[in-house]
């Protein structure tokens, strides 16, 4: 288990629901990845680089609701500026499986 945190520490992490609008290949990434454009409602559309090509086809991701951290600093990845961090878990081979939301919620809803 990682170090214990306080409730205040947890509240600093801004995890939001968003819907993937666009998915593009990202050939300049070091590891196979997609460029995602994600609608976070009132927060607008944010971009993210995601190494999820093993388990997901581009066309299967469009319209899918995901969870992402939206309050990390922007990160330059090759020629792309990633604005949020899509969450997931590594499978037994280290390939990412997206975190899922059981039922549709409004885009931009904060994880409580």
PDB file of N, CA and C in Angstrom:
ATOM      1  N   UNK A   1       0.851  -1.178   0.000  1.00  0.00           N
ATOM      2  CA  UNK A   1       0.000   0.000   0.000  1.00  0.00           C
ATOM      3  C   UNK A   1       0.895   1.240   0.000  1.00  0.00           C
ATOM      4  N   UNK A   2       0.462   2.256  -0.698  1.00  0.00           N
ATOM      5  CA  UNK A   2       1.195   3.522  -0.751  1.00  0.00           C
ATOM      6  C   UNK A   2       1.040   4.268   0.571  1.00  0.00           C
ATOM      7  N   UNK A   3       1.749   5.372   0.694  1.00  0.00           N
ATOM      8  CA  UNK A   3       1.633   6.203   1.889  1.00  0.00           C
ATOM      9  C   UNK A   3       0.197   6.654   2.098  1.00  0.00           C
ATOM     10  N   UNK A   4      -0.227   6.707   3.361  1.00  0.00           N
ATOM     11  CA  UNK A   4      -1.557   7.203   3.676  1.00  0.00           C
ATOM     12  C   UNK A   4      -1.641   8.689   3.340  1.00  0.00           C
ATOM     13  N   UNK A   5      -2.814   9.105   2.858  1.00  0.00           N
ATOM     14  CA  UNK A   5      -3.052  10.515   2.566  1.00  0.00           C
ATOM     15  C   UNK A   5      -4.233  10.982   3.397  1.00  0.00           C
ATOM     16  N   UNK A   6      -4.398  12.281   3.445  1.00  0.00           N
ATOM     17  CA  UNK A   6      -5.541  12.852   4.162  1.00  0.00           C
ATOM     18  C   UNK A   6      -6.681  13.080   3.172  1.00  0.00           C
ATOM     19  N   UNK A   7      -7.864  13.340   3.719  1.00  0.00           N
ATOM     20  CA  UNK A   7      -9.000  13.673   2.872  1.00  0.00           C
ATOM     21  C   UNK A   7      -8.671  14.918   2.049  1.00  0.00           C
ATOM     22  N   UNK A   8      -7.974  15.861   2.647  1.00  0.00           N
ATOM     23  CA  UNK A   8      -7.572  17.074   1.932  1.00  0.00           C
ATOM     24  C   UNK A   8      -6.674  16.766   0.742  1.00  0.00           C
ATOM     25  N   UNK A   9      -5.765  15.794   0.914  1.00  0.00           N
ATOM     26  CA  UNK A   9      -4.914  15.384  -0.211  1.00  0.00           C
ATOM     27  C   UNK A   9      -5.777  14.842  -1.348  1.00  0.00           C
ATOM     28  N   UNK A  10      -6.733  13.982  -1.024  1.00  0.00           N
ATOM     29  CA  UNK A  10      -7.610  13.392  -2.031  1.00  0.00           C
ATOM     30  C   UNK A  10      -8.426  14.459  -2.761  1.00  0.00           C
ATOM     31  N   UNK A  11      -8.912  15.442  -2.008  1.00  0.00           N
ATOM     32  CA  UNK A  11      -9.730  16.495  -2.610  1.00  0.00           C
ATOM     33  C   UNK A  11      -8.956  17.333  -3.622  1.00  0.00           C
ATOM     34  N   UNK A  12      -7.638  17.323  -3.549  1.00  0.00           N
ATOM     35  CA  UNK A  12      -6.822  18.080  -4.502  1.00  0.00           C
ATOM     36  C   UNK A  12      -6.829  17.448  -5.891  1.00  0.00           C
ATOM     37  N   UNK A  13      -7.085  16.152  -5.971  1.00  0.00           N
ATOM     38  CA  UNK A  13      -7.100  15.459  -7.258  1.00  0.00           C
ATOM     39  C   UNK A  13      -8.475  15.679  -7.896  1.00  0.00           C
ATOM     40  N   UNK A  14      -8.493  16.328  -9.045  1.00  0.00           N
ATOM     41  CA  UNK A  14      -9.743  16.655  -9.725  1.00  0.00           C
ATOM     42  C   UNK A  14     -10.008  15.624 -10.812  1.00  0.00           C
ATOM     43  N   UNK A  15     -10.732  14.560 -10.444  1.00  0.00           N
ATOM     44  CA  UNK A  15     -11.105  13.487 -11.366  1.00  0.00           C
ATOM     45  C   UNK A  15     -12.488  13.779 -11.924  1.00  0.00           C
ATOM     46  N   UNK A  16     -12.593  13.831 -13.254  1.00  0.00           N
ATOM     47  CA  UNK A  16     -13.856  14.181 -13.891  1.00  0.00           C
ATOM     48  C   UNK A  16     -14.252  13.170 -14.955  1.00  0.00           C
ATOM     49  N   UNK A  17     -15.544  13.087 -15.200  1.00  0.00           N
ATOM     50  CA  UNK A  17     -16.082  12.264 -16.285  1.00  0.00           C
ATOM     51  C   UNK A  17     -16.049  13.079 -17.571  1.00  0.00           C
ATOM     52  N   UNK A  18     -15.660  12.412 -18.652  1.00  0.00           N
ATOM     53  CA  UNK A  18     -15.658  13.058 -19.958  1.00  0.00           C
ATOM     54  C   UNK A  18     -15.950  12.044 -21.045  1.00  0.00           C
ATOM     55  N   UNK A  19     -16.432  12.532 -22.179  1.00  0.00           N
ATOM     56  CA  UNK A  19     -16.762  11.670 -23.301  1.00  0.00           C
ATOM     57  C   UNK A  19     -15.770  11.908 -24.436  1.00  0.00           C
ATOM     58  N   UNK A  20     -15.215  10.823 -24.957  1.00  0.00           N
ATOM     59  CA  UNK A  20     -14.249  10.912 -26.046  1.00  0.00           C
ATOM     60  C   UNK A  20     -14.976  11.305 -27.330  1.00  0.00           C
ATOM     61  N   UNK A  21     -14.525  12.407 -27.934  1.00  0.00           N
ATOM     62  CA  UNK A  21     -15.128  12.911 -29.165  1.00  0.00           C
ATOM     63  C   UNK A  21     -14.344  12.510 -30.406  1.00  0.00           C
ATOM     64  N   UNK A  22     -13.009  12.554 -30.291  1.00  0.00           N
ATOM     65  CA  UNK A  22     -12.134  12.254 -31.425  1.00  0.00           C
ATOM     66  C   UNK A  22     -10.967  11.401 -30.962  1.00  0.00           C
ATOM     67  N   UNK A  23     -10.500  10.524 -31.843  1.00  0.00           N
ATOM     68  CA  UNK A  23      -9.338   9.676 -31.569  1.00  0.00           C
ATOM     69  C   UNK A  23      -8.460   9.699 -32.813  1.00  0.00           C
ATOM     70  N   UNK A  24      -7.179  10.015 -32.616  1.00  0.00           N
ATOM     71  CA  UNK A  24      -6.236  10.041 -33.727  1.00  0.00           C
ATOM     72  C   UNK A  24      -5.028   9.197 -33.371  1.00  0.00           C
ATOM     73  N   UNK A  25      -4.409   8.588 -34.380  1.00  0.00           N
ATOM     74  CA  UNK A  25      -3.144   7.895 -34.159  1.00  0.00           C
ATOM     75  C   UNK A  25      -2.105   8.908 -33.716  1.00  0.00           C
ATOM     76  N   UNK A  26      -1.103   8.450 -32.973  1.00  0.00           N
ATOM     77  CA  UNK A  26      -0.036   9.323 -32.485  1.00  0.00           C
ATOM     78  C   UNK A  26       1.310   8.680 -32.839  1.00  0.00           C
ATOM     79  N   UNK A  27       1.692   8.748 -34.118  1.00  0.00           N
ATOM     80  CA  UNK A  27       2.909   8.059 -34.569  1.00  0.00           C
ATOM     81  C   UNK A  27       4.204   8.605 -33.953  1.00  0.00           C
ATOM     82  N   UNK A  28       4.199   9.835 -33.451  1.00  0.00           N
ATOM     83  CA  UNK A  28       5.425  10.412 -32.877  1.00  0.00           C
ATOM     84  C   UNK A  28       5.631  10.023 -31.411  1.00  0.00           C
ATOM     85  N   UNK A  29       4.661   9.367 -30.804  1.00  0.00           N
ATOM     86  CA  UNK A  29       4.808   8.918 -29.409  1.00  0.00           C
ATOM     87  C   UNK A  29       5.838   7.795 -29.346  1.00  0.00           C
ATOM     88  N   UNK A  30       6.593   7.743 -28.235  1.00  0.00           N
ATOM     89  CA  UNK A  30       7.603   6.691 -28.054  1.00  0.00           C
ATOM     90  C   UNK A  30       6.989   5.295 -28.029  1.00  0.00           C
ATOM     91  N   UNK A  31       5.878   5.165 -27.308  1.00  0.00           N
ATOM     92  CA  UNK A  31       5.133   3.896 -27.252  1.00  0.00           C
ATOM     93  C   UNK A  31       3.818   4.115 -27.993  1.00  0.00           C
ATOM     94  N   UNK A  32       3.246   3.059 -28.586  1.00  0.00           N
ATOM     95  CA  UNK A  32       1.982   3.225 -29.318  1.00  0.00           C
ATOM     96  C   UNK A  32       0.919   3.921 -28.459  1.00  0.00           C
ATOM     97  N   UNK A  33       0.310   4.957 -29.031  1.00  0.00           N
ATOM     98  CA  UNK A  33      -0.666   5.760 -28.289  1.00  0.00           C
ATOM     99  C   UNK A  33      -1.657   6.404 -29.250  1.00  0.00           C
ATOM    100  N   UNK A  34      -2.741   6.879 -28.669  1.00  0.00           N
ATOM    101  CA  UNK A  34      -3.722   7.683 -29.390  1.00  0.00           C
ATOM    102  C   UNK A  34      -3.715   9.092 -28.818  1.00  0.00           C
ATOM    103  N   UNK A  35      -4.141  10.040 -29.643  1.00  0.00           N
ATOM    104  CA  UNK A  35      -4.449  11.386 -29.189  1.00  0.00           C
ATOM    105  C   UNK A  35      -5.964  11.449 -29.036  1.00  0.00           C
ATOM    106  N   UNK A  36      -6.420  11.777 -27.841  1.00  0.00           N
ATOM    107  CA  UNK A  36      -7.849  11.832 -27.544  1.00  0.00           C
ATOM    108  C   UNK A  36      -8.298  13.272 -27.355  1.00  0.00           C
ATOM    109  N   UNK A  37      -9.501  13.587 -27.832  1.00  0.00           N
ATOM    110  CA  UNK A  37     -10.155  14.867 -27.570  1.00  0.00           C
ATOM    111  C   UNK A  37     -11.389  14.515 -26.752  1.00  0.00           C
ATOM    112  N   UNK A  38     -11.449  15.048 -25.524  1.00  0.00           N
ATOM    113  CA  UNK A  38     -12.452  14.599 -24.556  1.00  0.00           C
ATOM    114  C   UNK A  38     -13.298  15.781 -24.096  1.00  0.00           C
ATOM    115  N   UNK A  39     -14.618  15.621 -24.152  1.00  0.00           N
ATOM    116  CA  UNK A  39     -15.566  16.651 -23.724  1.00  0.00           C
ATOM    117  C   UNK A  39     -15.807  16.532 -22.226  1.00  0.00           C
ATOM    118  N   UNK A  40     -15.417  17.596 -21.488  1.00  0.00           N
ATOM    119  CA  UNK A  40     -15.635  17.639 -20.043  1.00  0.00           C
ATOM    120  C   UNK A  40     -16.702  18.663 -19.668  1.00  0.00           C
ATOM    121  N   UNK A  41     -17.697  18.817 -20.513  1.00  0.00           N
ATOM    122  CA  UNK A  41     -18.812  19.714 -20.205  1.00  0.00           C
ATOM    123  C   UNK A  41     -18.346  21.140 -20.019  1.00  0.00           C
ATOM    124  N   UNK A  42     -18.647  21.712 -18.859  1.00  0.00           N
ATOM    125  CA  UNK A  42     -18.317  23.117 -18.570  1.00  0.00           C
ATOM    126  C   UNK A  42     -16.816  23.403 -18.627  1.00  0.00           C
ATOM    127  N   UNK A  43     -15.970  22.374 -18.492  1.00  0.00           N
ATOM    128  CA  UNK A  43     -14.517  22.567 -18.575  1.00  0.00           C
ATOM    129  C   UNK A  43     -14.029  22.632 -20.011  1.00  0.00           C
ATOM    130  N   UNK A  44     -14.882  22.259 -20.950  1.00  0.00           N
ATOM    131  CA  UNK A  44     -14.522  22.284 -22.354  1.00  0.00           C
ATOM    132  C   UNK A  44     -13.923  20.971 -22.826  1.00  0.00           C
ATOM    133  N   UNK A  45     -13.323  21.006 -24.006  1.00  0.00           N
ATOM    134  CA  UNK A  45     -12.692  19.836 -24.605  1.00  0.00           C
ATOM    135  C   UNK A  45     -11.203  19.886 -24.291  1.00  0.00           C
ATOM    136  N   UNK A  46     -10.700  18.815 -23.669  1.00  0.00           N
ATOM    137  CA  UNK A  46      -9.278  18.697 -23.343  1.00  0.00           C
ATOM    138  C   UNK A  46      -8.684  17.550 -24.137  1.00  0.00           C
ATOM    139  N   UNK A  47      -7.377  17.634 -24.378  1.00  0.00           N
ATOM    140  CA  UNK A  47      -6.673  16.598 -25.134  1.00  0.00           C
ATOM    141  C   UNK A  47      -5.815  15.759 -24.196  1.00  0.00           C
ATOM    142  N   UNK A  48      -5.633  14.497 -24.585  1.00  0.00           N
ATOM    143  CA  UNK A  48      -4.783  13.602 -23.810  1.00  0.00           C
ATOM    144  C   UNK A  48      -4.129  12.592 -24.734  1.00  0.00           C
ATOM    145  N   UNK A  49      -2.906  12.221 -24.399  1.00  0.00           N
ATOM    146  CA  UNK A  49      -2.233  11.116 -25.060  1.00  0.00           C
ATOM    147  C   UNK A  49      -2.462   9.888 -24.191  1.00  0.00           C
ATOM    148  N   UNK A  50      -2.879   8.786 -24.817  1.00  0.00           N
ATOM    149  CA  UNK A  50      -3.188   7.591 -24.032  1.00  0.00           C
ATOM    150  C   UNK A  50      -2.622   6.344 -24.706  1.00  0.00           C
ATOM    151  N   UNK A  51      -1.864   5.567 -23.943  1.00  0.00           N
ATOM    152  CA  UNK A  51      -1.272   4.326 -24.435  1.00  0.00           C
ATOM    153  C   UNK A  51      -2.271   3.178 -24.241  1.00  0.00           C
ATOM    154  N   UNK A  52      -3.310   3.207 -25.054  1.00  0.00           N
ATOM    155  CA  UNK A  52      -4.407   2.245 -24.903  1.00  0.00           C
ATOM    156  C   UNK A  52      -4.681   1.498 -26.207  1.00  0.00           C
ATOM    157  N   UNK A  53      -3.687   1.432 -27.088  1.00  0.00           N
ATOM    158  CA  UNK A  53      -3.897   0.850 -28.419  1.00  0.00           C
ATOM    159  C   UNK A  53      -4.036  -0.667 -28.409  1.00  0.00           C
ATOM    160  N   UNK A  54      -3.577  -1.346 -27.375  1.00  0.00           N
ATOM    161  CA  UNK A  54      -3.654  -2.810 -27.338  1.00  0.00           C
ATOM    162  C   UNK A  54      -5.098  -3.288 -27.185  1.00  0.00           C
ATOM    163  N   UNK A  55      -5.834  -2.682 -26.268  1.00  0.00           N
ATOM    164  CA  UNK A  55      -7.186  -3.152 -25.963  1.00  0.00           C
ATOM    165  C   UNK A  55      -8.302  -2.405 -26.694  1.00  0.00           C
ATOM    166  N   UNK A  56      -7.990  -1.255 -27.319  1.00  0.00           N
ATOM    167  CA  UNK A  56      -9.050  -0.409 -27.869  1.00  0.00           C
ATOM    168  C   UNK A  56      -8.754   0.019 -29.303  1.00  0.00           C
ATOM    169  N   UNK A  57      -9.773  -0.100 -30.160  1.00  0.00           N
ATOM    170  CA  UNK A  57      -9.715   0.426 -31.520  1.00  0.00           C
ATOM    171  C   UNK A  57     -10.265   1.846 -31.482  1.00  0.00           C
ATOM    172  N   UNK A  58      -9.761   2.682 -32.378  1.00  0.00           N
ATOM    173  CA  UNK A  58     -10.196   4.085 -32.396  1.00  0.00           C
ATOM    174  C   UNK A  58     -11.714   4.217 -32.455  1.00  0.00           C
ATOM    175  N   UNK A  59     -12.339   3.447 -33.356  1.00  0.00           N
ATOM    176  CA  UNK A  59     -13.778   3.583 -33.545  1.00  0.00           C
ATOM    177  C   UNK A  59     -14.571   3.132 -32.314  1.00  0.00           C
ATOM    178  N   UNK A  60     -14.011   2.274 -31.489  1.00  0.00           N
ATOM    179  CA  UNK A  60     -14.698   1.814 -30.278  1.00  0.00           C
ATOM    180  C   UNK A  60     -14.622   2.829 -29.139  1.00  0.00           C
ATOM    181  N   UNK A  61     -13.710   3.784 -29.257  1.00  0.00           N
ATOM    182  CA  UNK A  61     -13.532   4.772 -28.193  1.00  0.00           C
ATOM    183  C   UNK A  61     -14.451   5.988 -28.348  1.00  0.00           C
ATOM    184  N   UNK A  62     -14.866   6.281 -29.578  1.00  0.00           N
ATOM    185  CA  UNK A  62     -15.731   7.442 -29.815  1.00  0.00           C
ATOM    186  C   UNK A  62     -17.036   7.265 -29.038  1.00  0.00           C
ATOM    187  N   UNK A  63     -17.379   8.275 -28.233  1.00  0.00           N
ATOM    188  CA  UNK A  63     -18.606   8.240 -27.442  1.00  0.00           C
ATOM    189  C   UNK A  63     -18.463   7.553 -26.097  1.00  0.00           C
ATOM    190  N   UNK A  64     -17.303   6.985 -25.834  1.00  0.00           N
ATOM    191  CA  UNK A  64     -17.086   6.294 -24.554  1.00  0.00           C
ATOM    192  C   UNK A  64     -16.807   7.330 -23.453  1.00  0.00           C
ATOM    193  N   UNK A  65     -17.429   7.124 -22.299  1.00  0.00           N
ATOM    194  CA  UNK A  65     -17.189   8.014 -21.166  1.00  0.00           C
ATOM    195  C   UNK A  65     -16.047   7.450 -20.328  1.00  0.00           C
ATOM    196  N   UNK A  66     -15.108   8.324 -19.982  1.00  0.00           N
ATOM    197  CA  UNK A  66     -13.913   7.926 -19.234  1.00  0.00           C
ATOM    198  C   UNK A  66     -13.750   8.823 -18.007  1.00  0.00           C
ATOM    199  N   UNK A  67     -12.779   8.466 -17.154  1.00  0.00           N
ATOM    200  CA  UNK A  67     -12.401   9.297 -16.008  1.00  0.00           C
ATOM    201  C   UNK A  67     -10.998   9.822 -16.245  1.00  0.00           C
ATOM    202  N   UNK A  68     -10.792  11.100 -15.948  1.00  0.00           N
ATOM    203  CA  UNK A  68      -9.472  11.684 -16.145  1.00  0.00           C
ATOM    204  C   UNK A  68      -9.176  12.710 -15.058  1.00  0.00           C
ATOM    205  N   UNK A  69      -7.892  12.835 -14.740  1.00  0.00           N
ATOM    206  CA  UNK A  69      -7.428  13.894 -13.839  1.00  0.00           C
ATOM    207  C   UNK A  69      -7.264  15.135 -14.700  1.00  0.00           C
ATOM    208  N   UNK A  70      -7.954  16.213 -14.325  1.00  0.00           N
ATOM    209  CA  UNK A  70      -7.937  17.420 -15.149  1.00  0.00           C
ATOM    210  C   UNK A  70      -7.117  18.558 -14.546  1.00  0.00           C
ATOM    211  N   UNK A  71      -6.511  18.337 -13.385  1.00  0.00           N
ATOM    212  CA  UNK A  71      -5.761  19.433 -12.774  1.00  0.00           C
ATOM    213  C   UNK A  71      -4.261  19.164 -12.669  1.00  0.00           C
ATOM    214  N   UNK A  72      -3.724  18.302 -13.523  1.00  0.00           N
ATOM    215  CA  UNK A  72      -2.276  18.180 -13.660  1.00  0.00           C
ATOM    216  C   UNK A  72      -1.791  19.305 -14.573  1.00  0.00           C
ATOM    217  N   UNK A  73      -0.529  19.696 -14.460  1.00  0.00           N
ATOM    218  CA  UNK A  73      -0.001  20.648 -15.442  1.00  0.00           C
ATOM    219  C   UNK A  73       0.010  20.009 -16.829  1.00  0.00           C
ATOM    220  N   UNK A  74      -0.128  20.826 -17.862  1.00  0.00           N
ATOM    221  CA  UNK A  74      -0.045  20.325 -19.232  1.00  0.00           C
ATOM    222  C   UNK A  74       1.323  19.690 -19.446  1.00  0.00           C
ATOM    223  N   UNK A  75       1.370  18.671 -20.323  1.00  0.00           N
ATOM    224  CA  UNK A  75       2.622  17.954 -20.565  1.00  0.00           C
ATOM    225  C   UNK A  75       2.848  17.816 -22.064  1.00  0.00           C
ATOM    226  N   UNK A  76       4.017  18.255 -22.512  1.00  0.00           N
ATOM    227  CA  UNK A  76       4.389  18.123 -23.915  1.00  0.00           C
ATOM    228  C   UNK A  76       4.861  16.700 -24.167  1.00  0.00           C
ATOM    229  N   UNK A  77       4.223  16.021 -25.119  1.00  0.00           N
ATOM    230  CA  UNK A  77       4.610  14.670 -25.516  1.00  0.00           C
ATOM    231  C   UNK A  77       4.839  14.734 -27.024  1.00  0.00           C
ATOM    232  N   UNK A  78       6.104  14.670 -27.426  1.00  0.00           N
ATOM    233  CA  UNK A  78       6.485  14.872 -28.828  1.00  0.00           C
ATOM    234  C   UNK A  78       5.931  16.226 -29.278  1.00  0.00           C
ATOM    235  N   UNK A  79       5.111  16.239 -30.332  1.00  0.00           N
ATOM    236  CA  UNK A  79       4.555  17.498 -30.832  1.00  0.00           C
ATOM    237  C   UNK A  79       3.127  17.751 -30.346  1.00  0.00           C
ATOM    238  N   UNK A  80       2.749  17.118 -29.245  1.00  0.00           N
ATOM    239  CA  UNK A  80       1.366  17.147 -28.748  1.00  0.00           C
ATOM    240  C   UNK A  80       1.351  17.625 -27.298  1.00  0.00           C
ATOM    241  N   UNK A  81       0.398  18.493 -26.959  1.00  0.00           N
ATOM    242  CA  UNK A  81       0.255  18.975 -25.586  1.00  0.00           C
ATOM    243  C   UNK A  81      -0.893  18.226 -24.914  1.00  0.00           C
ATOM    244  N   UNK A  82      -0.553  17.371 -23.946  1.00  0.00           N
ATOM    245  CA  UNK A  82      -1.552  16.610 -23.202  1.00  0.00           C
ATOM    246  C   UNK A  82      -2.061  17.485 -22.056  1.00  0.00           C
ATOM    247  N   UNK A  83      -3.390  17.605 -21.945  1.00  0.00           N
ATOM    248  CA  UNK A  83      -3.995  18.515 -20.982  1.00  0.00           C
ATOM    249  C   UNK A  83      -4.679  17.821 -19.807  1.00  0.00           C
ATOM    250  N   UNK A  84      -4.774  16.497 -19.863  1.00  0.00           N
ATOM    251  CA  UNK A  84      -5.390  15.743 -18.772  1.00  0.00           C
ATOM    252  C   UNK A  84      -4.827  14.328 -18.803  1.00  0.00           C
ATOM    253  N   UNK A  85      -5.062  13.570 -17.727  1.00  0.00           N
ATOM    254  CA  UNK A  85      -4.561  12.205 -17.618  1.00  0.00           C
ATOM    255  C   UNK A  85      -5.739  11.238 -17.535  1.00  0.00           C
ATOM    256  N   UNK A  86      -5.917  10.449 -18.585  1.00  0.00           N
ATOM    257  CA  UNK A  86      -6.963   9.427 -18.602  1.00  0.00           C
ATOM    258  C   UNK A  86      -6.529   8.302 -17.669  1.00  0.00           C
ATOM    259  N   UNK A  87      -7.449   7.787 -16.865  1.00  0.00           N
ATOM    260  CA  UNK A  87      -7.099   6.779 -15.866  1.00  0.00           C
ATOM    261  C   UNK A  87      -7.388   5.362 -16.352  1.00  0.00           C
ATOM    262  N   UNK A  88      -6.582   4.430 -15.854  1.00  0.00           N
ATOM    263  CA  UNK A  88      -6.757   3.031 -16.187  1.00  0.00           C
ATOM    264  C   UNK A  88      -5.871   2.169 -15.315  1.00  0.00           C
ATOM    265  N   UNK A  89      -5.984   0.867 -15.514  1.00  0.00           N
ATOM    266  CA  UNK A  89      -5.219  -0.108 -14.746  1.00  0.00           C
ATOM    267  C   UNK A  89      -4.425  -0.982 -15.700  1.00  0.00           C
ATOM    268  N   UNK A  90      -3.193  -1.358 -15.327  1.00  0.00           N
ATOM    269  CA  UNK A  90      -2.442  -2.276 -16.186  1.00  0.00           C
ATOM    270  C   UNK A  90      -2.976  -3.702 -16.049  1.00  0.00           C
ATOM    271  N   UNK A  91      -3.070  -4.408 -17.197  1.00  0.00           N
ATOM    272  CA  UNK A  91      -3.435  -5.818 -17.141  1.00  0.00           C
ATOM    273  C   UNK A  91      -2.189  -6.632 -16.791  1.00  0.00           C
ATOM    274  N   UNK A  92      -2.280  -7.951 -16.886  1.00  0.00           N
ATOM    275  CA  UNK A  92      -1.159  -8.816 -16.498  1.00  0.00           C
ATOM    276  C   UNK A  92       0.086  -8.604 -17.366  1.00  0.00           C
ATOM    277  N   UNK A  93      -0.080  -7.968 -18.545  1.00  0.00           N
ATOM    278  CA  UNK A  93       1.058  -7.688 -19.431  1.00  0.00           C
ATOM    279  C   UNK A  93       1.486  -6.224 -19.407  1.00  0.00           C
ATOM    280  N   UNK A  94       0.841  -5.439 -18.550  1.00  0.00           N
ATOM    281  CA  UNK A  94       1.181  -4.020 -18.444  1.00  0.00           C
ATOM    282  C   UNK A  94       0.434  -3.127 -19.417  1.00  0.00           C
ATOM    283  N   UNK A  95      -0.495  -3.686 -20.189  1.00  0.00           N
ATOM    284  CA  UNK A  95      -1.293  -2.890 -21.124  1.00  0.00           C
ATOM    285  C   UNK A  95      -2.478  -2.275 -20.384  1.00  0.00           C
ATOM    286  N   UNK A  96      -2.773  -1.022 -20.691  1.00  0.00           N
ATOM    287  CA  UNK A  96      -3.772  -0.281 -19.922  1.00  0.00           C
ATOM    288  C   UNK A  96      -5.204  -0.652 -20.307  1.00  0.00           C
ATOM    289  N   UNK A  97      -6.005  -0.881 -19.262  1.00  0.00           N
ATOM    290  CA  UNK A  97      -7.448  -1.085 -19.359  1.00  0.00           C
ATOM    291  C   UNK A  97      -8.085   0.160 -18.748  1.00  0.00           C
ATOM    292  N   UNK A  98      -8.922   0.847 -19.504  1.00  0.00           N
ATOM    293  CA  UNK A  98      -9.512   2.094 -19.024  1.00  0.00           C
ATOM    294  C   UNK A  98     -10.381   1.893 -17.787  1.00  0.00           C
ATOM    295  N   UNK A  99     -10.325   2.871 -16.880  1.00  0.00           N
ATOM    296  CA  UNK A  99     -11.290   2.915 -15.775  1.00  0.00           C
ATOM    297  C   UNK A  99     -12.647   3.169 -16.396  1.00  0.00           C
ATOM    298  N   UNK A 100     -13.681   2.577 -15.842  1.00  0.00           N
ATOM    299  CA  UNK A 100     -14.993   2.761 -16.457  1.00  0.00           C
ATOM    300  C   UNK A 100     -15.978   3.371 -15.472  1.00  0.00           C
ATOM    301  N   UNK A 101     -16.996   3.970 -16.043  1.00  0.00           N
ATOM    302  CA  UNK A 101     -18.084   4.564 -15.280  1.00  0.00           C
ATOM    303  C   UNK A 101     -19.300   3.669 -15.507  1.00  0.00           C
ATOM    304  N   UNK A 102     -19.902   3.190 -14.441  1.00  0.00           N
ATOM    305  CA  UNK A 102     -20.982   2.201 -14.539  1.00  0.00           C
ATOM    306  C   UNK A 102     -22.191   2.717 -15.301  1.00  0.00           C
ATOM    307  N   UNK A 103     -22.581   3.961 -15.034  1.00  0.00           N
ATOM    308  CA  UNK A 103     -23.730   4.566 -15.717  1.00  0.00           C
ATOM    309  C   UNK A 103     -23.327   5.944 -16.213  1.00  0.00           C
ATOM    310  N   UNK A 104     -23.937   6.366 -17.289  1.00  0.00           N
ATOM    311  CA  UNK A 104     -23.645   7.674 -17.875  1.00  0.00           C
ATOM    312  C   UNK A 104     -23.931   8.779 -16.858  1.00  0.00           C
ATOM    313  N   UNK A 105     -23.022   9.725 -16.749  1.00  0.00           N
ATOM    314  CA  UNK A 105     -23.198  10.905 -15.910  1.00  0.00           C
ATOM    315  C   UNK A 105     -22.899  12.123 -16.778  1.00  0.00           C
ATOM    316  N   UNK A 106     -23.323  13.322 -16.361  1.00  0.00           N
ATOM    317  CA  UNK A 106     -23.012  14.495 -17.174  1.00  0.00           C
ATOM    318  C   UNK A 106     -21.501  14.704 -17.300  1.00  0.00           C
ATOM    319  N   UNK A 107     -21.068  15.070 -18.512  1.00  0.00           N
ATOM    320  CA  UNK A 107     -19.648  15.364 -18.702  1.00  0.00           C
ATOM    321  C   UNK A 107     -19.215  16.481 -17.759  1.00  0.00           C
ATOM    322  N   UNK A 108     -18.051  16.328 -17.170  1.00  0.00           N
ATOM    323  CA  UNK A 108     -17.523  17.299 -16.219  1.00  0.00           C
ATOM    324  C   UNK A 108     -17.851  16.963 -14.783  1.00  0.00           C
ATOM    325  N   UNK A 109     -18.661  15.923 -14.542  1.00  0.00           N
ATOM    326  CA  UNK A 109     -19.004  15.538 -13.166  1.00  0.00           C
ATOM    327  C   UNK A 109     -17.733  15.111 -12.438  1.00  0.00           C
ATOM    328  N   UNK A 110     -17.574  15.632 -11.212  1.00  0.00           N
ATOM    329  CA  UNK A 110     -16.394  15.337 -10.408  1.00  0.00           C
ATOM    330  C   UNK A 110     -16.599  14.064  -9.600  1.00  0.00           C
ATOM    331  N   UNK A 111     -15.551  13.231  -9.547  1.00  0.00           N
ATOM    332  CA  UNK A 111     -15.589  12.026  -8.711  1.00  0.00           C
ATOM    333  C   UNK A 111     -15.643  12.452  -7.253  1.00  0.00           C
ATOM    334  N   UNK A 112     -16.561  11.844  -6.505  1.00  0.00           N
ATOM    335  CA  UNK A 112     -16.740  12.196  -5.091  1.00  0.00           C
ATOM    336  C   UNK A 112     -16.246  11.052  -4.222  1.00  0.00           C
TER     337      UNK A 112
END
